[in-house]
Amino acid sequence: MGTWDTGPFDNDTAADFANALDDAEPEAREALIRGVLIRTIDATGYLTEAEEAVAAAALIAAQCPGGEPVDMSYGPETPMPIFPSDLRALADEALARIASDEDGLCPLTWCRGSVV
């Protein structure tokens, strides 16, 4: 697992999420994004999907008025559907959950079950 830059898809986990979005049927992409946001909001303990939630929020933010496009070097290659506006509130809540977590993004040694 690695992180190579500061963008929302510049880590292995988020890049894998982008691949999952590409592999999903167009009508299923919103559900994948909604699911990762809701699971992050509702998470207890370590935020194991925080990287995916940040990536999902970036895709949603890109569709907001004045939103900047996401650098898609490692993001989804296929176009995303137009997301319903209620996803903005979920993205905001998920990001607030991540930012308020005392441990921040889940440390890699704990996330994948390999506690050292």
Protein backbone atom coordinates (compact mmCIF):
# COMPACT_ATOMS: atom_id res chain seq x y z
CA MET A 1 0.00 0.00 0.00
CA GLY A 2 1.37 3.37 -0.85
CA THR A 3 0.77 7.05 -1.19
CA TRP A 4 2.69 8.94 -3.83
CA ASP A 5 1.20 12.45 -3.79
CA THR A 6 -1.46 14.60 -2.13
CA GLY A 7 -4.34 14.30 -4.60
CA PRO A 8 -7.56 12.47 -3.75
CA PHE A 9 -6.61 9.47 -5.91
CA ASP A 10 -2.87 9.49 -5.18
CA ASN A 11 -2.82 6.40 -3.00
CA ASP A 12 -3.35 2.71 -3.68
CA THR A 13 -6.69 2.50 -1.88
CA ALA A 14 -8.26 5.43 -3.71
CA ALA A 15 -6.83 4.25 -7.04
CA ASP A 16 -8.45 0.85 -6.41
CA PHE A 17 -11.72 2.68 -5.70
CA ALA A 18 -11.35 4.47 -9.05
CA ASN A 19 -10.93 1.08 -10.74
CA ALA A 20 -14.07 -0.19 -8.99
CA LEU A 21 -15.97 2.83 -10.29
CA ASP A 22 -14.67 2.15 -13.81
CA ASP A 23 -15.68 -1.52 -13.56
CA ALA A 24 -19.18 -0.71 -12.28
CA GLU A 25 -22.14 -0.18 -14.56
CA PRO A 26 -22.84 3.54 -15.00
CA GLU A 27 -26.03 3.35 -12.95
CA ALA A 28 -24.16 1.67 -10.05
CA ARG A 29 -21.47 4.33 -9.63
CA GLU A 30 -23.63 6.63 -7.54
CA ALA A 31 -24.44 3.75 -5.18
CA LEU A 32 -20.73 2.96 -4.72
CA ILE A 33 -20.00 6.57 -3.86
CA ARG A 34 -23.03 6.90 -1.58
CA GLY A 35 -22.11 3.67 0.19
CA VAL A 36 -18.55 4.65 1.00
CA LEU A 37 -19.70 8.03 2.31
CA ILE A 38 -22.40 6.54 4.53
CA ARG A 39 -20.08 3.83 5.87
CA THR A 40 -17.49 6.50 6.73
CA ILE A 41 -20.07 8.66 8.49
CA ASP A 42 -21.37 5.67 10.47
CA ALA A 43 -17.97 4.11 11.20
CA THR A 44 -16.88 3.34 14.71
CA GLY A 45 -13.23 2.83 15.46
CA TYR A 46 -10.74 3.20 12.66
CA LEU A 47 -11.96 4.77 9.45
CA THR A 48 -11.00 1.99 7.07
CA GLU A 49 -12.62 3.66 4.03
CA ALA A 50 -11.42 7.22 4.62
CA GLU A 51 -9.25 7.31 1.49
CA GLU A 52 -12.18 6.21 -0.66
CA ALA A 53 -14.47 8.75 1.01
CA VAL A 54 -12.01 11.57 0.26
CA ALA A 55 -11.84 10.45 -3.37
CA ALA A 56 -15.64 10.23 -3.58
CA ALA A 57 -15.98 13.72 -2.09
CA ALA A 58 -13.54 15.08 -4.67
CA LEU A 59 -15.66 13.67 -7.50
CA ILE A 60 -18.77 15.26 -5.98
CA ALA A 61 -17.02 18.61 -5.40
CA ALA A 62 -15.92 18.69 -9.03
CA GLN A 63 -19.59 18.82 -10.03
CA CYS A 64 -20.46 21.73 -7.71
CA PRO A 65 -20.78 25.20 -9.23
CA GLY A 66 -17.23 26.49 -9.53
CA GLY A 67 -15.84 23.07 -8.66
CA GLU A 68 -12.44 22.22 -10.00
CA PRO A 69 -12.00 19.05 -12.05
CA VAL A 70 -10.23 16.19 -10.36
CA ASP A 71 -6.85 15.27 -11.81
CA MET A 72 -7.71 11.92 -13.26
CA SER A 73 -4.20 10.48 -13.60
CA TYR A 74 -5.22 7.79 -11.12
CA GLY A 75 -8.92 8.56 -10.84
CA PRO A 76 -11.75 6.97 -12.80
CA GLU A 77 -11.23 6.86 -16.54
CA THR A 78 -14.93 6.73 -17.33
CA PRO A 79 -17.15 9.78 -16.98
CA MET A 80 -19.12 9.97 -13.77
CA PRO A 81 -22.87 10.48 -13.85
CA ILE A 82 -24.32 13.76 -12.65
CA PHE A 83 -24.66 13.21 -8.93
CA PRO A 84 -27.79 14.23 -7.03
CA SER A 85 -27.29 17.27 -4.81
CA ASP A 86 -27.94 15.27 -1.60
CA LEU A 87 -24.52 13.63 -2.06
CA ARG A 88 -22.92 17.01 -1.31
CA ALA A 89 -24.24 16.91 2.25
CA LEU A 90 -23.06 13.30 2.67
CA ALA A 91 -19.61 14.19 1.34
CA ASP A 92 -19.42 17.15 3.70
CA GLU A 93 -20.44 14.98 6.65
CA ALA A 94 -17.95 12.24 5.73
CA LEU A 95 -15.11 14.74 5.41
CA ALA A 96 -16.06 16.29 8.76
CA ARG A 97 -16.03 12.79 10.29
CA ILE A 98 -12.56 12.14 8.89
CA ALA A 99 -11.24 15.54 9.98
CA SER A 100 -12.62 15.16 13.50
CA ASP A 101 -11.27 11.65 14.04
CA GLU A 102 -8.42 11.82 16.55
CA ASP A 103 -6.42 9.28 14.54
CA GLY A 104 -7.06 10.98 11.19
CA LEU A 105 -6.84 8.67 8.22
CA CYS A 106 -6.49 5.07 9.28
CA PRO A 107 -2.84 4.04 9.71
CA LEU A 108 -2.03 1.39 7.14
CA THR A 109 -0.64 -1.02 9.74
CA TRP A 110 -4.05 -1.09 11.46
CA CYS A 111 -6.40 -0.83 8.48
CA ARG A 112 -5.69 -4.12 6.82
CA GLY A 113 -5.58 -6.29 9.92
CA SER A 114 -1.82 -6.37 10.31
CA VAL A 115 -1.44 -4.71 13.69
CA VAL A 116 2.21 -4.33 14.68
